[in-house]
Amino acid sequence: MEIGNRLSGRQGTVYEGVQARIDAITKRYVQVYFDRVVTVNGMKLLGQVLSKSAVKKYFDNYEQLSLFDHDQCS
């Protein structure tokens, strides 16, 4: 988990279909910003501070494809 990583909301959760960007990390918490408004417990959010365990529970990591394949660069 690193600042700038992108996460994808897990299927079957309130975050399903949401893409989130990690903006800050502490020992226990992760601050994320969403690509759209998410309704959680009746509140409309564009970002949220979550515990690290909640991030692992509600989000999957995904990798952004690189424009260049570093293994084939000469």
PDB file of N, CA and C in Angstrom:
ATOM      1  N   MET A   1       0.843  -1.167   0.000  1.00  0.00           N
ATOM      2  CA  MET A   1       0.000   0.000   0.000  1.00  0.00           C
ATOM      3  C   MET A   1       0.892   1.236   0.000  1.00  0.00           C
ATOM      4  N   GLU A   2       0.743   2.075  -1.015  1.00  0.00           N
ATOM      5  CA  GLU A   2       1.543   3.284  -1.115  1.00  0.00           C
ATOM      6  C   GLU A   2       0.673   4.449  -1.563  1.00  0.00           C
ATOM      7  N   ILE A   3       1.092   5.648  -1.225  1.00  0.00           N
ATOM      8  CA  ILE A   3       0.387   6.848  -1.669  1.00  0.00           C
ATOM      9  C   ILE A   3       0.371   6.863  -3.195  1.00  0.00           C
ATOM     10  N   GLY A   4      -0.795   7.175  -3.741  1.00  0.00           N
ATOM     11  CA  GLY A   4      -0.951   7.214  -5.187  1.00  0.00           C
ATOM     12  C   GLY A   4      -1.488   5.926  -5.778  1.00  0.00           C
ATOM     13  N   ASN A   5      -1.416   4.809  -5.027  1.00  0.00           N
ATOM     14  CA  ASN A   5      -1.983   3.552  -5.518  1.00  0.00           C
ATOM     15  C   ASN A   5      -3.477   3.707  -5.737  1.00  0.00           C
ATOM     16  N   ARG A   6      -3.988   2.962  -6.672  1.00  0.00           N
ATOM     17  CA  ARG A   6      -5.418   2.971  -6.957  1.00  0.00           C
ATOM     18  C   ARG A   6      -6.015   1.646  -6.506  1.00  0.00           C
ATOM     19  N   LEU A   7      -7.213   1.747  -5.968  1.00  0.00           N
ATOM     20  CA  LEU A   7      -7.919   0.583  -5.453  1.00  0.00           C
ATOM     21  C   LEU A   7      -9.272   0.478  -6.139  1.00  0.00           C
ATOM     22  N   SER A   8      -9.775  -0.718  -6.231  1.00  0.00           N
ATOM     23  CA  SER A   8     -11.067  -0.971  -6.843  1.00  0.00           C
ATOM     24  C   SER A   8     -11.992  -1.566  -5.795  1.00  0.00           C
ATOM     25  N   GLY A   9     -13.193  -1.003  -5.641  1.00  0.00           N
ATOM     26  CA  GLY A   9     -14.156  -1.488  -4.653  1.00  0.00           C
ATOM     27  C   GLY A   9     -14.565  -2.922  -4.929  1.00  0.00           C
ATOM     28  N   ARG A  10     -14.599  -3.723  -3.885  1.00  0.00           N
ATOM     29  CA  ARG A  10     -14.970  -5.136  -4.037  1.00  0.00           C
ATOM     30  C   ARG A  10     -16.445  -5.298  -4.352  1.00  0.00           C
ATOM     31  N   GLN A  11     -16.733  -6.318  -5.120  1.00  0.00           N
ATOM     32  CA  GLN A  11     -18.100  -6.659  -5.480  1.00  0.00           C
ATOM     33  C   GLN A  11     -18.882  -7.029  -4.221  1.00  0.00           C
ATOM     34  N   GLY A  12     -20.111  -6.551  -4.125  1.00  0.00           N
ATOM     35  CA  GLY A  12     -20.969  -6.863  -2.999  1.00  0.00           C
ATOM     36  C   GLY A  12     -20.821  -5.922  -1.816  1.00  0.00           C
ATOM     37  N   THR A  13     -19.974  -4.891  -1.937  1.00  0.00           N
ATOM     38  CA  THR A  13     -19.812  -3.896  -0.875  1.00  0.00           C
ATOM     39  C   THR A  13     -20.378  -2.560  -1.354  1.00  0.00           C
ATOM     40  N   VAL A  14     -20.508  -1.597  -0.445  1.00  0.00           N
ATOM     41  CA  VAL A  14     -20.990  -0.265  -0.842  1.00  0.00           C
ATOM     42  C   VAL A  14     -20.005   0.432  -1.779  1.00  0.00           C
ATOM     43  N   TYR A  15     -18.784  -0.065  -1.849  1.00  0.00           N
ATOM     44  CA  TYR A  15     -17.749   0.525  -2.699  1.00  0.00           C
ATOM     45  C   TYR A  15     -17.647  -0.161  -4.063  1.00  0.00           C
ATOM     46  N   GLU A  16     -18.538  -1.097  -4.349  1.00  0.00           N
ATOM     47  CA  GLU A  16     -18.513  -1.828  -5.612  1.00  0.00           C
ATOM     48  C   GLU A  16     -18.534  -0.862  -6.794  1.00  0.00           C
ATOM     49  N   GLY A  17     -17.596  -1.052  -7.720  1.00  0.00           N
ATOM     50  CA  GLY A  17     -17.519  -0.213  -8.910  1.00  0.00           C
ATOM     51  C   GLY A  17     -16.814   1.117  -8.714  1.00  0.00           C
ATOM     52  N   VAL A  18     -16.384   1.423  -7.505  1.00  0.00           N
ATOM     53  CA  VAL A  18     -15.714   2.688  -7.196  1.00  0.00           C
ATOM     54  C   VAL A  18     -14.203   2.510  -7.322  1.00  0.00           C
ATOM     55  N   GLN A  19     -13.557   3.492  -7.882  1.00  0.00           N
ATOM     56  CA  GLN A  19     -12.099   3.517  -7.911  1.00  0.00           C
ATOM     57  C   GLN A  19     -11.653   4.542  -6.864  1.00  0.00           C
ATOM     58  N   ALA A  20     -10.695   4.160  -6.037  1.00  0.00           N
ATOM     59  CA  ALA A  20     -10.203   5.035  -4.983  1.00  0.00           C
ATOM     60  C   ALA A  20      -8.699   5.217  -5.130  1.00  0.00           C
ATOM     61  N   ARG A  21      -8.222   6.422  -4.785  1.00  0.00           N
ATOM     62  CA  ARG A  21      -6.787   6.725  -4.820  1.00  0.00           C
ATOM     63  C   ARG A  21      -6.323   6.955  -3.383  1.00  0.00           C
ATOM     64  N   ILE A  22      -5.221   6.330  -3.015  1.00  0.00           N
ATOM     65  CA  ILE A  22      -4.656   6.526  -1.676  1.00  0.00           C
ATOM     66  C   ILE A  22      -3.914   7.856  -1.652  1.00  0.00           C
ATOM     67  N   ASP A  23      -4.292   8.725  -0.706  1.00  0.00           N
ATOM     68  CA  ASP A  23      -3.655  10.033  -0.592  1.00  0.00           C
ATOM     69  C   ASP A  23      -2.792  10.198   0.651  1.00  0.00           C
ATOM     70  N   ALA A  24      -3.040   9.395   1.685  1.00  0.00           N
ATOM     71  CA  ALA A  24      -2.226   9.472   2.903  1.00  0.00           C
ATOM     72  C   ALA A  24      -2.312   8.137   3.636  1.00  0.00           C
ATOM     73  N   ILE A  25      -1.234   7.808   4.336  1.00  0.00           N
ATOM     74  CA  ILE A  25      -1.173   6.562   5.092  1.00  0.00           C
ATOM     75  C   ILE A  25      -0.493   6.835   6.434  1.00  0.00           C
ATOM     76  N   THR A  26      -1.100   6.320   7.513  1.00  0.00           N
ATOM     77  CA  THR A  26      -0.467   6.339   8.828  1.00  0.00           C
ATOM     78  C   THR A  26      -0.323   4.884   9.271  1.00  0.00           C
ATOM     79  N   LYS A  27       0.100   4.673  10.508  1.00  0.00           N
ATOM     80  CA  LYS A  27       0.262   3.301  10.994  1.00  0.00           C
ATOM     81  C   LYS A  27      -1.053   2.522  10.947  1.00  0.00           C
ATOM     82  N   ARG A  28      -2.165   3.200  11.225  1.00  0.00           N
ATOM     83  CA  ARG A  28      -3.451   2.501  11.334  1.00  0.00           C
ATOM     84  C   ARG A  28      -4.472   2.865  10.264  1.00  0.00           C
ATOM     85  N   TYR A  29      -4.309   4.009   9.629  1.00  0.00           N
ATOM     86  CA  TYR A  29      -5.361   4.512   8.745  1.00  0.00           C
ATOM     87  C   TYR A  29      -4.859   4.841   7.344  1.00  0.00           C
ATOM     88  N   VAL A  30      -5.828   4.840   6.419  1.00  0.00           N
ATOM     89  CA  VAL A  30      -5.553   5.178   5.029  1.00  0.00           C
ATOM     90  C   VAL A  30      -6.609   6.181   4.585  1.00  0.00           C
ATOM     91  N   GLN A  31      -6.154   7.292   4.000  1.00  0.00           N
ATOM     92  CA  GLN A  31      -7.083   8.285   3.455  1.00  0.00           C
ATOM     93  C   GLN A  31      -7.207   8.046   1.959  1.00  0.00           C
ATOM     94  N   VAL A  32      -8.447   7.882   1.497  1.00  0.00           N
ATOM     95  CA  VAL A  32      -8.691   7.632   0.078  1.00  0.00           C
ATOM     96  C   VAL A  32      -9.659   8.659  -0.473  1.00  0.00           C
ATOM     97  N   TYR A  33      -9.531   8.928  -1.775  1.00  0.00           N
ATOM     98  CA  TYR A  33     -10.477   9.771  -2.495  1.00  0.00           C
ATOM     99  C   TYR A  33     -11.089   8.937  -3.599  1.00  0.00           C
ATOM    100  N   PHE A  34     -12.405   9.069  -3.769  1.00  0.00           N
ATOM    101  CA  PHE A  34     -13.143   8.268  -4.725  1.00  0.00           C
ATOM    102  C   PHE A  34     -13.304   8.986  -6.055  1.00  0.00           C
ATOM    103  N   ASP A  35     -13.521   8.211  -7.114  1.00  0.00           N
ATOM    104  CA  ASP A  35     -13.723   8.784  -8.441  1.00  0.00           C
ATOM    105  C   ASP A  35     -15.146   9.296  -8.641  1.00  0.00           C
ATOM    106  N   ARG A  36     -16.028   9.004  -7.689  1.00  0.00           N
ATOM    107  CA  ARG A  36     -17.407   9.494  -7.741  1.00  0.00           C
ATOM    108  C   ARG A  36     -17.961   9.517  -6.325  1.00  0.00           C
ATOM    109  N   VAL A  37     -19.118  10.113  -6.160  1.00  0.00           N
ATOM    110  CA  VAL A  37     -19.744  10.183  -4.841  1.00  0.00           C
ATOM    111  C   VAL A  37     -20.212   8.791  -4.429  1.00  0.00           C
ATOM    112  N   VAL A  38     -19.911   8.432  -3.181  1.00  0.00           N
ATOM    113  CA  VAL A  38     -20.301   7.140  -2.621  1.00  0.00           C
ATOM    114  C   VAL A  38     -21.197   7.408  -1.420  1.00  0.00           C
ATOM    115  N   THR A  39     -22.299   6.683  -1.311  1.00  0.00           N
ATOM    116  CA  THR A  39     -23.179   6.818  -0.155  1.00  0.00           C
ATOM    117  C   THR A  39     -22.871   5.696   0.830  1.00  0.00           C
ATOM    118  N   VAL A  40     -22.383   6.093   2.014  1.00  0.00           N
ATOM    119  CA  VAL A  40     -22.027   5.141   3.070  1.00  0.00           C
ATOM    120  C   VAL A  40     -22.783   5.555   4.324  1.00  0.00           C
ATOM    121  N   ASN A  41     -23.608   4.663   4.843  1.00  0.00           N
ATOM    122  CA  ASN A  41     -24.409   4.949   6.045  1.00  0.00           C
ATOM    123  C   ASN A  41     -25.204   6.245   5.906  1.00  0.00           C
ATOM    124  N   GLY A  42     -25.745   6.486   4.725  1.00  0.00           N
ATOM    125  CA  GLY A  42     -26.563   7.664   4.484  1.00  0.00           C
ATOM    126  C   GLY A  42     -25.789   8.940   4.215  1.00  0.00           C
ATOM    127  N   MET A  43     -24.473   8.876   4.255  1.00  0.00           N
ATOM    128  CA  MET A  43     -23.644  10.061   4.001  1.00  0.00           C
ATOM    129  C   MET A  43     -23.038   9.962   2.611  1.00  0.00           C
ATOM    130  N   LYS A  44     -23.054  11.069   1.883  1.00  0.00           N
ATOM    131  CA  LYS A  44     -22.454  11.109   0.549  1.00  0.00           C
ATOM    132  C   LYS A  44     -21.013  11.575   0.689  1.00  0.00           C
ATOM    133  N   LEU A  45     -20.089  10.736   0.196  1.00  0.00           N
ATOM    134  CA  LEU A  45     -18.663  10.994   0.390  1.00  0.00           C
ATOM    135  C   LEU A  45     -17.906  10.981  -0.924  1.00  0.00           C
ATOM    136  N   LEU A  46     -16.899  11.846  -1.021  1.00  0.00           N
ATOM    137  CA  LEU A  46     -15.941  11.805  -2.126  1.00  0.00           C
ATOM    138  C   LEU A  46     -14.602  11.254  -1.663  1.00  0.00           C
ATOM    139  N   GLY A  47     -14.465  11.077  -0.364  1.00  0.00           N
ATOM    140  CA  GLY A  47     -13.257  10.523   0.217  1.00  0.00           C
ATOM    141  C   GLY A  47     -13.552  10.069   1.623  1.00  0.00           C
ATOM    142  N   GLN A  48     -12.592   9.333   2.193  1.00  0.00           N
ATOM    143  CA  GLN A  48     -12.836   8.787   3.519  1.00  0.00           C
ATOM    144  C   GLN A  48     -11.516   8.339   4.135  1.00  0.00           C
ATOM    145  N   VAL A  49     -11.457   8.372   5.457  1.00  0.00           N
ATOM    146  CA  VAL A  49     -10.332   7.801   6.186  1.00  0.00           C
ATOM    147  C   VAL A  49     -10.809   6.452   6.712  1.00  0.00           C
ATOM    148  N   LEU A  50     -10.102   5.401   6.345  1.00  0.00           N
ATOM    149  CA  LEU A  50     -10.462   4.042   6.724  1.00  0.00           C
ATOM    150  C   LEU A  50      -9.307   3.371   7.442  1.00  0.00           C
ATOM    151  N   SER A  51      -9.632   2.415   8.298  1.00  0.00           N
ATOM    152  CA  SER A  51      -8.560   1.623   8.899  1.00  0.00           C
ATOM    153  C   SER A  51      -7.942   0.765   7.803  1.00  0.00           C
ATOM    154  N   LYS A  52      -6.708   0.348   8.004  1.00  0.00           N
ATOM    155  CA  LYS A  52      -6.043  -0.494   7.011  1.00  0.00           C
ATOM    156  C   LYS A  52      -6.801  -1.801   6.815  1.00  0.00           C
ATOM    157  N   SER A  53      -7.378  -2.335   7.883  1.00  0.00           N
ATOM    158  CA  SER A  53      -8.133  -3.586   7.749  1.00  0.00           C
ATOM    159  C   SER A  53      -9.401  -3.368   6.922  1.00  0.00           C
ATOM    160  N   ALA A  54     -10.042  -2.199   7.040  1.00  0.00           N
ATOM    161  CA  ALA A  54     -11.231  -1.891   6.241  1.00  0.00           C
ATOM    162  C   ALA A  54     -10.865  -1.762   4.765  1.00  0.00           C
ATOM    163  N   VAL A  55      -9.717  -1.174   4.478  1.00  0.00           N
ATOM    164  CA  VAL A  55      -9.272  -1.053   3.087  1.00  0.00           C
ATOM    165  C   VAL A  55      -9.089  -2.446   2.494  1.00  0.00           C
ATOM    166  N   LYS A  56      -8.458  -3.338   3.231  1.00  0.00           N
ATOM    167  CA  LYS A  56      -8.245  -4.704   2.741  1.00  0.00           C
ATOM    168  C   LYS A  56      -9.573  -5.444   2.586  1.00  0.00           C
ATOM    169  N   LYS A  57     -10.540  -5.133   3.434  1.00  0.00           N
ATOM    170  CA  LYS A  57     -11.841  -5.795   3.394  1.00  0.00           C
ATOM    171  C   LYS A  57     -12.696  -5.312   2.220  1.00  0.00           C
ATOM    172  N   TYR A  58     -12.663  -4.015   1.930  1.00  0.00           N
ATOM    173  CA  TYR A  58     -13.579  -3.421   0.962  1.00  0.00           C
ATOM    174  C   TYR A  58     -12.993  -3.143  -0.419  1.00  0.00           C
ATOM    175  N   PHE A  59     -11.669  -3.210  -0.558  1.00  0.00           N
ATOM    176  CA  PHE A  59     -11.041  -2.856  -1.825  1.00  0.00           C
ATOM    177  C   PHE A  59     -10.048  -3.909  -2.283  1.00  0.00           C
ATOM    178  N   ASP A  60      -9.914  -4.013  -3.604  1.00  0.00           N
ATOM    179  CA  ASP A  60      -8.889  -4.834  -4.238  1.00  0.00           C
ATOM    180  C   ASP A  60      -7.914  -3.892  -4.905  1.00  0.00           C
ATOM    181  N   ASN A  61      -6.650  -4.249  -4.905  1.00  0.00           N
ATOM    182  CA  ASN A  61      -5.662  -3.467  -5.647  1.00  0.00           C
ATOM    183  C   ASN A  61      -5.800  -3.771  -7.127  1.00  0.00           C
ATOM    184  N   TYR A  62      -5.493  -2.815  -7.949  1.00  0.00           N
ATOM    185  CA  TYR A  62      -5.374  -3.105  -9.371  1.00  0.00           C
ATOM    186  C   TYR A  62      -4.168  -2.364  -9.875  1.00  0.00           C
ATOM    187  N   GLU A  63      -3.563  -2.890 -10.912  1.00  0.00           N
ATOM    188  CA  GLU A  63      -2.354  -2.286 -11.451  1.00  0.00           C
ATOM    189  C   GLU A  63      -2.685  -1.511 -12.699  1.00  0.00           C
ATOM    190  N   GLN A  64      -2.091  -0.330 -12.802  1.00  0.00           N
ATOM    191  CA  GLN A  64      -2.247   0.443 -14.024  1.00  0.00           C
ATOM    192  C   GLN A  64      -1.209  -0.056 -15.014  1.00  0.00           C
ATOM    193  N   LEU A  65      -1.620  -0.228 -16.232  1.00  0.00           N
ATOM    194  CA  LEU A  65      -0.682  -0.694 -17.250  1.00  0.00           C
ATOM    195  C   LEU A  65       0.315   0.403 -17.585  1.00  0.00           C
ATOM    196  N   SER A  66       1.546   0.019 -17.744  1.00  0.00           N
ATOM    197  CA  SER A  66       2.595   0.952 -18.121  1.00  0.00           C
ATOM    198  C   SER A  66       2.583   1.142 -19.632  1.00  0.00           C
ATOM    199  N   LEU A  67       2.940   2.317 -20.080  1.00  0.00           N
ATOM    200  CA  LEU A  67       3.043   2.561 -21.514  1.00  0.00           C
ATOM    201  C   LEU A  67       4.240   1.839 -22.114  1.00  0.00           C
ATOM    202  N   PHE A  68       5.210   1.528 -21.268  1.00  0.00           N
ATOM    203  CA  PHE A  68       6.433   0.888 -21.732  1.00  0.00           C
ATOM    204  C   PHE A  68       6.657  -0.406 -20.966  1.00  0.00           C
ATOM    205  N   ASP A  69       7.100  -1.441 -21.642  1.00  0.00           N
ATOM    206  CA  ASP A  69       7.481  -2.687 -20.991  1.00  0.00           C
ATOM    207  C   ASP A  69       8.966  -2.579 -20.680  1.00  0.00           C
ATOM    208  N   HIS A  70       9.304  -2.379 -19.414  1.00  0.00           N
ATOM    209  CA  HIS A  70      10.688  -2.125 -19.022  1.00  0.00           C
ATOM    210  C   HIS A  70      11.626  -3.282 -19.341  1.00  0.00           C
ATOM    211  N   ASP A  71      11.083  -4.507 -19.417  1.00  0.00           N
ATOM    212  CA  ASP A  71      11.929  -5.662 -19.710  1.00  0.00           C
ATOM    213  C   ASP A  71      12.419  -5.665 -21.149  1.00  0.00           C
ATOM    214  N   GLN A  72      11.711  -4.973 -22.025  1.00  0.00           N
ATOM    215  CA  GLN A  72      12.080  -4.993 -23.436  1.00  0.00           C
ATOM    216  C   GLN A  72      12.778  -3.723 -23.878  1.00  0.00           C
ATOM    217  N   CYS A  73      13.048  -2.816 -22.959  1.00  0.00           N
ATOM    218  CA  CYS A  73      13.764  -1.577 -23.319  1.00  0.00           C
ATOM    219  C   CYS A  73      15.241  -1.903 -23.540  1.00  0.00           C
ATOM    220  N   SER A  74      15.825  -1.326 -24.556  1.00  0.00           N
ATOM    221  CA  SER A  74      17.249  -1.586 -24.837  1.00  0.00           C
ATOM    222  C   SER A  74      18.124  -0.508 -24.253  1.00  0.00           C
TER     223      SER A  74
END
